[in-house]
Amino acid sequence: MPEKQCRCGSGARFDACCAPYLAGMPAPTAEALMRSRYTAFTLGDGAYIARTFAAEHRDSANTDLPDVIWVGLKINGTSGGGPLDTTGTVDFSARFRDGGETRVHREICRFRREDGLWVYVDGDIAPAKAPVPVGKTGRNDPCPCGSGKKFKRCCGR
C-alpha cells in the first residue's frame, strides 16, 4: 500500500513527490534531489543514495545507512540549483531519533548537474547541538526537536 504523504516534508503525496525520483526519473532541482535523498535514507534505499553521488565519489561513497529513525526534514535555504542552473546548494536540517534522544543533522550540501542530472557533490556539516532527551518532555508539550508539533504527534511516537 503506497504512502500518502511524502516523508521529505514537502506536504505532497509520496507518489507525486519523491517516488518518481526513487524510481529513476531525474530530479528537476537540487532541492528535489535533496528531498529524495532524505526519503531514500528513511526507506533504507542505499542504492539510490549511491546513484545520486557525483561520479568522483560514487565508488568510495559509504552507503551503509545509519540505524536511526528519521523524523523530519527542514530545508533552511537554497542557492542556485534551479531547473536552468548547473550548480546549487541546499542547507538542510534532518531530525532523527537515536536510542532515546532526538538529534539534528545539519548540512550545507553542494550539488551539480552531471550529464544533465543533479548529483550530490559534498557538504559541510554544521556543529552538532546537544541531544534533546526524549524522556523529559510531556505528551502535550511542544516537541523539543523544533517541528512546532506536540511531542505526542512528533518524536513521542
N, C-alpha and C. Protein backbone atom coordinates (compact mmCIF):
# COMPACT_ATOMS: atom_id res chain seq x y z
N MET A 1 0.85 -1.19 0.00
CA MET A 1 0.00 0.00 0.00
C MET A 1 0.89 1.24 0.00
N PRO A 2 0.75 2.13 -0.97
CA PRO A 2 1.62 3.30 -1.06
C PRO A 2 1.33 4.30 0.07
N GLU A 3 2.40 4.99 0.47
CA GLU A 3 2.26 6.01 1.50
C GLU A 3 1.53 7.21 0.91
N LYS A 4 0.76 7.88 1.76
CA LYS A 4 0.02 9.05 1.28
C LYS A 4 0.91 10.28 1.24
N GLN A 5 1.50 10.65 2.36
CA GLN A 5 2.30 11.86 2.42
C GLN A 5 3.78 11.51 2.32
N CYS A 6 4.50 12.27 1.53
CA CYS A 6 5.92 12.01 1.34
C CYS A 6 6.68 12.29 2.63
N ARG A 7 7.68 11.49 2.87
CA ARG A 7 8.50 11.62 4.08
C ARG A 7 9.42 12.83 4.06
N CYS A 8 9.57 13.46 2.89
CA CYS A 8 10.51 14.58 2.78
C CYS A 8 9.99 15.87 3.39
N GLY A 9 8.73 15.88 3.81
CA GLY A 9 8.18 17.06 4.45
C GLY A 9 7.62 18.10 3.50
N SER A 10 7.52 17.79 2.23
CA SER A 10 7.01 18.76 1.26
C SER A 10 5.51 19.00 1.41
N GLY A 11 4.83 18.04 2.02
CA GLY A 11 3.38 18.12 2.13
C GLY A 11 2.67 17.47 0.95
N ALA A 12 3.43 17.06 -0.05
CA ALA A 12 2.85 16.41 -1.23
C ALA A 12 2.71 14.91 -1.00
N ARG A 13 1.90 14.29 -1.83
CA ARG A 13 1.77 12.83 -1.77
C ARG A 13 3.08 12.19 -2.24
N PHE A 14 3.44 11.08 -1.61
CA PHE A 14 4.67 10.37 -1.95
C PHE A 14 4.73 10.03 -3.44
N ASP A 15 3.64 9.53 -3.99
CA ASP A 15 3.65 9.11 -5.40
C ASP A 15 3.79 10.29 -6.36
N ALA A 16 3.52 11.51 -5.90
CA ALA A 16 3.66 12.70 -6.73
C ALA A 16 4.89 13.52 -6.35
N CYS A 17 5.65 13.05 -5.37
CA CYS A 17 6.79 13.81 -4.87
C CYS A 17 8.09 13.04 -5.14
N CYS A 18 8.56 12.29 -4.17
CA CYS A 18 9.86 11.62 -4.28
C CYS A 18 9.82 10.26 -4.96
N ALA A 19 8.68 9.60 -4.99
CA ALA A 19 8.60 8.25 -5.57
C ALA A 19 9.11 8.20 -7.02
N PRO A 20 8.73 9.15 -7.88
CA PRO A 20 9.25 9.07 -9.25
C PRO A 20 10.77 9.18 -9.34
N TYR A 21 11.39 9.98 -8.46
CA TYR A 21 12.85 10.12 -8.48
C TYR A 21 13.51 8.84 -7.99
N LEU A 22 12.95 8.25 -6.94
CA LEU A 22 13.49 6.98 -6.43
C LEU A 22 13.37 5.88 -7.49
N ALA A 23 12.38 6.00 -8.36
CA ALA A 23 12.17 5.00 -9.42
C ALA A 23 13.02 5.28 -10.66
N GLY A 24 13.75 6.40 -10.69
CA GLY A 24 14.65 6.67 -11.80
C GLY A 24 14.42 7.94 -12.58
N MET A 25 13.32 8.65 -12.33
CA MET A 25 13.09 9.92 -13.02
C MET A 25 14.08 10.97 -12.49
N PRO A 26 14.66 11.80 -13.37
CA PRO A 26 15.61 12.81 -12.90
C PRO A 26 14.93 13.89 -12.06
N ALA A 27 15.57 14.28 -10.96
CA ALA A 27 15.06 15.37 -10.14
C ALA A 27 15.27 16.69 -10.89
N PRO A 28 14.28 17.58 -10.91
CA PRO A 28 14.39 18.82 -11.68
C PRO A 28 15.25 19.90 -11.01
N THR A 29 15.43 19.80 -9.70
CA THR A 29 16.19 20.81 -8.96
C THR A 29 17.08 20.13 -7.93
N ALA A 30 18.05 20.89 -7.42
CA ALA A 30 18.91 20.37 -6.36
C ALA A 30 18.09 20.08 -5.10
N GLU A 31 17.12 20.95 -4.79
CA GLU A 31 16.28 20.71 -3.62
C GLU A 31 15.46 19.44 -3.77
N ALA A 32 14.93 19.19 -4.94
CA ALA A 32 14.16 17.96 -5.17
C ALA A 32 15.06 16.74 -4.98
N LEU A 33 16.31 16.82 -5.44
CA LEU A 33 17.24 15.70 -5.23
C LEU A 33 17.53 15.54 -3.74
N MET A 34 17.72 16.66 -3.04
CA MET A 34 17.99 16.59 -1.60
C MET A 34 16.83 15.91 -0.88
N ARG A 35 15.60 16.33 -1.20
CA ARG A 35 14.42 15.74 -0.56
C ARG A 35 14.32 14.24 -0.87
N SER A 36 14.60 13.87 -2.11
CA SER A 36 14.51 12.45 -2.47
C SER A 36 15.60 11.64 -1.79
N ARG A 37 16.77 12.22 -1.61
CA ARG A 37 17.84 11.52 -0.89
C ARG A 37 17.44 11.31 0.58
N TYR A 38 16.84 12.33 1.19
CA TYR A 38 16.36 12.17 2.57
C TYR A 38 15.33 11.02 2.61
N THR A 39 14.39 11.03 1.68
CA THR A 39 13.38 9.97 1.64
C THR A 39 14.04 8.61 1.47
N ALA A 40 15.08 8.53 0.64
CA ALA A 40 15.80 7.27 0.47
C ALA A 40 16.43 6.82 1.79
N PHE A 41 16.98 7.77 2.55
CA PHE A 41 17.52 7.42 3.87
C PHE A 41 16.43 6.84 4.75
N THR A 42 15.25 7.46 4.75
CA THR A 42 14.16 6.98 5.62
C THR A 42 13.68 5.60 5.21
N LEU A 43 13.81 5.27 3.93
CA LEU A 43 13.36 3.98 3.41
C LEU A 43 14.46 2.93 3.37
N GLY A 44 15.69 3.34 3.72
CA GLY A 44 16.81 2.40 3.68
C GLY A 44 17.28 2.06 2.28
N ASP A 45 17.11 2.98 1.33
CA ASP A 45 17.46 2.75 -0.07
C ASP A 45 18.88 3.25 -0.35
N GLY A 46 19.87 2.48 0.08
CA GLY A 46 21.27 2.85 -0.13
C GLY A 46 21.66 2.89 -1.59
N ALA A 47 21.02 2.09 -2.43
CA ALA A 47 21.33 2.09 -3.86
C ALA A 47 21.02 3.45 -4.48
N TYR A 48 19.90 4.07 -4.07
CA TYR A 48 19.56 5.39 -4.60
C TYR A 48 20.58 6.42 -4.13
N ILE A 49 20.96 6.33 -2.87
CA ILE A 49 21.97 7.26 -2.34
C ILE A 49 23.25 7.14 -3.18
N ALA A 50 23.69 5.92 -3.45
CA ALA A 50 24.91 5.71 -4.24
C ALA A 50 24.76 6.27 -5.66
N ARG A 51 23.61 6.03 -6.29
CA ARG A 51 23.39 6.50 -7.67
C ARG A 51 23.41 8.02 -7.78
N THR A 52 23.07 8.71 -6.70
CA THR A 52 22.94 10.17 -6.77
C THR A 52 24.17 10.91 -6.27
N PHE A 53 25.26 10.18 -5.99
CA PHE A 53 26.54 10.81 -5.68
C PHE A 53 27.19 11.27 -6.98
N ALA A 54 28.02 12.32 -6.91
CA ALA A 54 28.82 12.75 -8.06
C ALA A 54 29.76 11.60 -8.44
N ALA A 55 30.11 11.52 -9.71
CA ALA A 55 30.90 10.41 -10.24
C ALA A 55 32.18 10.17 -9.45
N GLU A 56 32.87 11.24 -9.07
CA GLU A 56 34.16 11.07 -8.38
C GLU A 56 34.01 10.51 -6.96
N HIS A 57 32.80 10.51 -6.42
CA HIS A 57 32.57 9.98 -5.06
C HIS A 57 31.77 8.68 -5.07
N ARG A 58 31.21 8.32 -6.19
CA ARG A 58 30.27 7.20 -6.26
C ARG A 58 30.88 5.89 -5.79
N ASP A 59 32.10 5.57 -6.24
CA ASP A 59 32.72 4.28 -5.89
C ASP A 59 33.16 4.22 -4.43
N SER A 60 33.54 5.36 -3.87
CA SER A 60 34.04 5.36 -2.50
C SER A 60 32.98 5.79 -1.48
N ALA A 61 31.78 6.07 -1.94
CA ALA A 61 30.72 6.55 -1.05
C ALA A 61 30.31 5.46 -0.06
N ASN A 62 30.16 5.85 1.18
CA ASN A 62 29.67 4.93 2.20
C ASN A 62 28.14 4.97 2.16
N THR A 63 27.54 3.89 1.72
CA THR A 63 26.08 3.85 1.66
C THR A 63 25.50 2.94 2.73
N ASP A 64 26.31 2.65 3.76
CA ASP A 64 25.78 1.96 4.93
C ASP A 64 24.95 2.98 5.69
N LEU A 65 23.65 2.82 5.67
CA LEU A 65 22.77 3.81 6.25
C LEU A 65 22.69 3.63 7.76
N PRO A 66 22.66 4.74 8.50
CA PRO A 66 22.62 4.65 9.96
C PRO A 66 21.33 4.00 10.45
N ASP A 67 21.45 3.29 11.56
CA ASP A 67 20.30 2.60 12.15
C ASP A 67 19.61 3.57 13.12
N VAL A 68 18.89 4.53 12.53
CA VAL A 68 18.17 5.54 13.31
C VAL A 68 16.77 5.68 12.73
N ILE A 69 15.92 6.39 13.43
CA ILE A 69 14.57 6.67 12.93
C ILE A 69 14.55 8.14 12.50
N TRP A 70 14.36 8.36 11.21
CA TRP A 70 14.31 9.72 10.68
C TRP A 70 12.93 10.29 10.95
N VAL A 71 12.88 11.50 11.52
CA VAL A 71 11.60 12.06 11.94
C VAL A 71 11.24 13.39 11.28
N GLY A 72 12.10 13.94 10.46
CA GLY A 72 11.71 15.18 9.80
C GLY A 72 12.85 15.85 9.07
N LEU A 73 12.49 16.54 7.99
CA LEU A 73 13.44 17.29 7.19
C LEU A 73 12.97 18.73 7.10
N LYS A 74 13.90 19.65 7.28
CA LYS A 74 13.60 21.07 7.11
C LYS A 74 14.64 21.64 6.16
N ILE A 75 14.17 22.28 5.11
CA ILE A 75 15.07 22.98 4.18
C ILE A 75 15.23 24.39 4.73
N ASN A 76 16.44 24.73 5.13
CA ASN A 76 16.72 26.05 5.72
C ASN A 76 16.95 27.11 4.66
N GLY A 77 17.36 26.68 3.48
CA GLY A 77 17.60 27.63 2.40
C GLY A 77 18.26 26.96 1.22
N THR A 78 18.19 27.61 0.08
CA THR A 78 18.83 27.11 -1.13
C THR A 78 19.50 28.27 -1.86
N SER A 79 20.47 27.94 -2.69
CA SER A 79 21.12 28.92 -3.55
C SER A 79 21.37 28.22 -4.88
N GLY A 80 20.89 28.81 -5.96
CA GLY A 80 21.01 28.16 -7.25
C GLY A 80 20.22 26.85 -7.23
N GLY A 81 20.65 25.91 -8.04
CA GLY A 81 20.03 24.59 -8.03
C GLY A 81 18.70 24.50 -8.73
N GLY A 82 18.34 25.52 -9.50
CA GLY A 82 17.06 25.52 -10.21
C GLY A 82 17.13 24.75 -11.51
N PRO A 83 16.01 24.67 -12.21
CA PRO A 83 15.95 23.91 -13.46
C PRO A 83 16.95 24.36 -14.53
N LEU A 84 17.35 25.63 -14.49
CA LEU A 84 18.28 26.13 -15.51
C LEU A 84 19.71 26.29 -14.99
N ASP A 85 19.94 25.98 -13.72
CA ASP A 85 21.27 26.13 -13.13
C ASP A 85 22.11 24.87 -13.34
N THR A 86 23.42 25.03 -13.16
CA THR A 86 24.33 23.88 -13.25
C THR A 86 24.89 23.50 -11.89
N THR A 87 24.80 24.40 -10.91
CA THR A 87 25.24 24.12 -9.55
C THR A 87 24.22 24.68 -8.57
N GLY A 88 24.29 24.22 -7.35
CA GLY A 88 23.40 24.73 -6.33
C GLY A 88 23.79 24.21 -4.96
N THR A 89 23.28 24.89 -3.94
CA THR A 89 23.48 24.43 -2.57
C THR A 89 22.13 24.34 -1.87
N VAL A 90 22.06 23.41 -0.94
CA VAL A 90 20.86 23.24 -0.10
C VAL A 90 21.33 23.13 1.34
N ASP A 91 20.80 23.99 2.18
CA ASP A 91 21.05 23.98 3.61
C ASP A 91 19.86 23.26 4.24
N PHE A 92 20.12 22.14 4.93
CA PHE A 92 19.01 21.39 5.50
C PHE A 92 19.31 20.92 6.91
N SER A 93 18.25 20.63 7.63
CA SER A 93 18.33 20.01 8.95
C SER A 93 17.45 18.77 8.92
N ALA A 94 18.02 17.63 9.28
CA ALA A 94 17.28 16.37 9.33
C ALA A 94 17.25 15.90 10.78
N ARG A 95 16.04 15.73 11.30
CA ARG A 95 15.88 15.26 12.68
C ARG A 95 15.79 13.74 12.68
N PHE A 96 16.41 13.14 13.68
CA PHE A 96 16.35 11.69 13.80
C PHE A 96 16.39 11.30 15.27
N ARG A 97 15.87 10.11 15.54
CA ARG A 97 15.93 9.55 16.89
C ARG A 97 16.96 8.44 16.89
N ASP A 98 17.81 8.53 17.88
CA ASP A 98 18.86 7.53 18.07
C ASP A 98 18.79 7.12 19.53
N GLY A 99 18.30 5.91 19.78
CA GLY A 99 18.06 5.50 21.16
C GLY A 99 16.93 6.33 21.72
N GLY A 100 17.14 6.96 22.85
CA GLY A 100 16.12 7.79 23.46
C GLY A 100 16.31 9.27 23.23
N GLU A 101 17.11 9.62 22.25
CA GLU A 101 17.41 11.03 22.03
C GLU A 101 17.03 11.47 20.62
N THR A 102 16.53 12.69 20.52
CA THR A 102 16.28 13.30 19.22
C THR A 102 17.49 14.16 18.90
N ARG A 103 18.03 13.97 17.72
CA ARG A 103 19.20 14.73 17.30
C ARG A 103 18.91 15.40 15.96
N VAL A 104 19.78 16.31 15.60
CA VAL A 104 19.64 17.02 14.32
C VAL A 104 20.95 16.94 13.57
N HIS A 105 20.85 16.55 12.30
CA HIS A 105 22.00 16.58 11.39
C HIS A 105 21.77 17.78 10.48
N ARG A 106 22.65 18.77 10.56
CA ARG A 106 22.52 19.95 9.69
C ARG A 106 23.71 19.98 8.75
N GLU A 107 23.41 20.21 7.48
CA GLU A 107 24.44 20.18 6.46
C GLU A 107 24.12 21.19 5.37
N ILE A 108 25.17 21.79 4.83
CA ILE A 108 25.05 22.63 3.64
C ILE A 108 25.68 21.83 2.51
N CYS A 109 24.83 21.36 1.60
CA CYS A 109 25.26 20.45 0.53
C CYS A 109 25.49 21.19 -0.77
N ARG A 110 26.45 20.68 -1.52
CA ARG A 110 26.71 21.20 -2.86
C ARG A 110 26.25 20.15 -3.88
N PHE A 111 25.56 20.64 -4.90
CA PHE A 111 25.05 19.80 -5.98
C PHE A 111 25.52 20.37 -7.30
N ARG A 112 25.56 19.52 -8.31
CA ARG A 112 25.84 19.99 -9.68
C ARG A 112 25.15 19.05 -10.66
N ARG A 113 25.02 19.54 -11.87
CA ARG A 113 24.47 18.70 -12.94
C ARG A 113 25.61 17.90 -13.54
N GLU A 114 25.32 16.63 -13.75
CA GLU A 114 26.29 15.72 -14.36
C GLU A 114 25.53 14.96 -15.45
N ASP A 115 25.92 15.17 -16.70
CA ASP A 115 25.18 14.57 -17.82
C ASP A 115 23.70 14.91 -17.74
N GLY A 116 23.40 16.14 -17.32
CA GLY A 116 22.02 16.62 -17.26
C GLY A 116 21.27 16.25 -15.98
N LEU A 117 21.88 15.46 -15.10
CA LEU A 117 21.22 15.02 -13.87
C LEU A 117 21.84 15.69 -12.65
N TRP A 118 21.00 16.07 -11.69
CA TRP A 118 21.51 16.61 -10.44
C TRP A 118 22.15 15.49 -9.64
N VAL A 119 23.34 15.78 -9.06
CA VAL A 119 24.04 14.83 -8.18
C VAL A 119 24.54 15.56 -6.95
N TYR A 120 24.69 14.81 -5.87
CA TYR A 120 25.25 15.33 -4.62
C TYR A 120 26.77 15.29 -4.73
N VAL A 121 27.41 16.43 -4.51
CA VAL A 121 28.88 16.51 -4.59
C VAL A 121 29.48 16.30 -3.21
N ASP A 122 29.16 17.17 -2.29
CA ASP A 122 29.65 17.06 -0.92
C ASP A 122 28.91 18.06 -0.06
N GLY A 123 29.29 18.12 1.20
CA GLY A 123 28.62 19.06 2.10
C GLY A 123 29.44 19.37 3.31
N ASP A 124 29.11 20.48 3.94
CA ASP A 124 29.73 20.89 5.19
C ASP A 124 28.73 20.65 6.31
N ILE A 125 29.14 19.85 7.28
CA ILE A 125 28.27 19.52 8.39
C ILE A 125 28.43 20.59 9.46
N ALA A 126 27.31 21.13 9.90
CA ALA A 126 27.31 22.14 10.96
C ALA A 126 27.59 21.44 12.29
N PRO A 127 28.17 22.13 13.23
CA PRO A 127 28.42 21.51 14.54
C PRO A 127 27.13 20.98 15.14
N ALA A 128 27.21 19.81 15.72
CA ALA A 128 26.03 19.18 16.32
C ALA A 128 25.65 19.89 17.61
N LYS A 129 24.35 20.02 17.80
CA LYS A 129 23.84 20.56 19.05
C LYS A 129 23.73 19.42 20.04
N ALA A 130 23.59 19.77 21.29
CA ALA A 130 23.42 18.74 22.30
C ALA A 130 22.13 17.97 22.03
N PRO A 131 22.15 16.66 22.25
CA PRO A 131 20.93 15.88 22.01
C PRO A 131 19.80 16.32 22.93
N VAL A 132 18.59 16.16 22.44
CA VAL A 132 17.40 16.51 23.21
C VAL A 132 16.88 15.24 23.87
N PRO A 133 16.89 15.17 25.21
CA PRO A 133 16.38 13.96 25.85
C PRO A 133 14.89 13.83 25.64
N VAL A 134 14.46 12.67 25.12
CA VAL A 134 13.05 12.46 24.83
C VAL A 134 12.25 12.24 26.09
N GLY A 135 12.78 11.56 27.08
CA GLY A 135 12.02 11.18 28.27
C GLY A 135 11.59 12.32 29.16
N LYS A 136 12.09 13.53 28.99
CA LYS A 136 11.79 14.64 29.87
C LYS A 136 10.71 15.56 29.33
N THR A 137 10.10 15.22 28.22
CA THR A 137 9.08 16.06 27.61
C THR A 137 7.71 15.44 27.83
N GLY A 138 6.75 16.25 28.26
CA GLY A 138 5.38 15.76 28.46
C GLY A 138 4.68 15.56 27.13
N ARG A 139 3.70 14.68 27.09
CA ARG A 139 2.99 14.35 25.85
C ARG A 139 2.39 15.56 25.16
N ASN A 140 1.88 16.52 25.91
CA ASN A 140 1.24 17.68 25.32
C ASN A 140 2.15 18.90 25.20
N ASP A 141 3.41 18.73 25.57
CA ASP A 141 4.38 19.82 25.43
C ASP A 141 4.80 19.95 23.97
N PRO A 142 5.28 21.14 23.58
CA PRO A 142 5.82 21.27 22.22
C PRO A 142 7.02 20.33 22.07
N CYS A 143 7.17 19.75 20.90
CA CYS A 143 8.27 18.82 20.67
C CYS A 143 9.59 19.59 20.73
N PRO A 144 10.58 19.08 21.45
CA PRO A 144 11.86 19.77 21.57
C PRO A 144 12.68 19.77 20.28
N CYS A 145 12.26 19.02 19.27
CA CYS A 145 13.02 18.98 18.02
C CYS A 145 12.79 20.23 17.18
N GLY A 146 11.79 21.04 17.56
CA GLY A 146 11.55 22.28 16.82
C GLY A 146 10.56 22.18 15.69
N SER A 147 9.83 21.08 15.60
CA SER A 147 8.88 20.90 14.50
C SER A 147 7.65 21.77 14.63
N GLY A 148 7.34 22.23 15.85
CA GLY A 148 6.13 23.00 16.08
C GLY A 148 4.94 22.14 16.44
N LYS A 149 5.11 20.83 16.43
CA LYS A 149 4.04 19.91 16.78
C LYS A 149 4.11 19.56 18.26
N LYS A 150 3.02 19.01 18.77
CA LYS A 150 3.05 18.46 20.12
C LYS A 150 3.95 17.24 20.12
N PHE A 151 4.63 17.03 21.25
CA PHE A 151 5.55 15.92 21.39
C PHE A 151 4.90 14.59 21.03
N LYS A 152 3.65 14.38 21.47
CA LYS A 152 2.98 13.10 21.23
C LYS A 152 2.70 12.85 19.74
N ARG A 153 2.65 13.91 18.94
CA ARG A 153 2.40 13.78 17.50
C ARG A 153 3.68 13.80 16.68
N CYS A 154 4.81 13.93 17.36
CA CYS A 154 6.07 14.06 16.62
C CYS A 154 7.06 12.99 17.11
N CYS A 155 8.03 13.39 17.89
CA CYS A 155 9.08 12.47 18.33
C CYS A 155 8.62 11.53 19.44
N GLY A 156 7.47 11.78 20.03
CA GLY A 156 6.96 10.92 21.09
C GLY A 156 6.28 9.67 20.59
N ARG A 157 6.22 9.49 19.28
CA ARG A 157 5.55 8.31 18.70
C ARG A 157 6.40 7.10 18.86
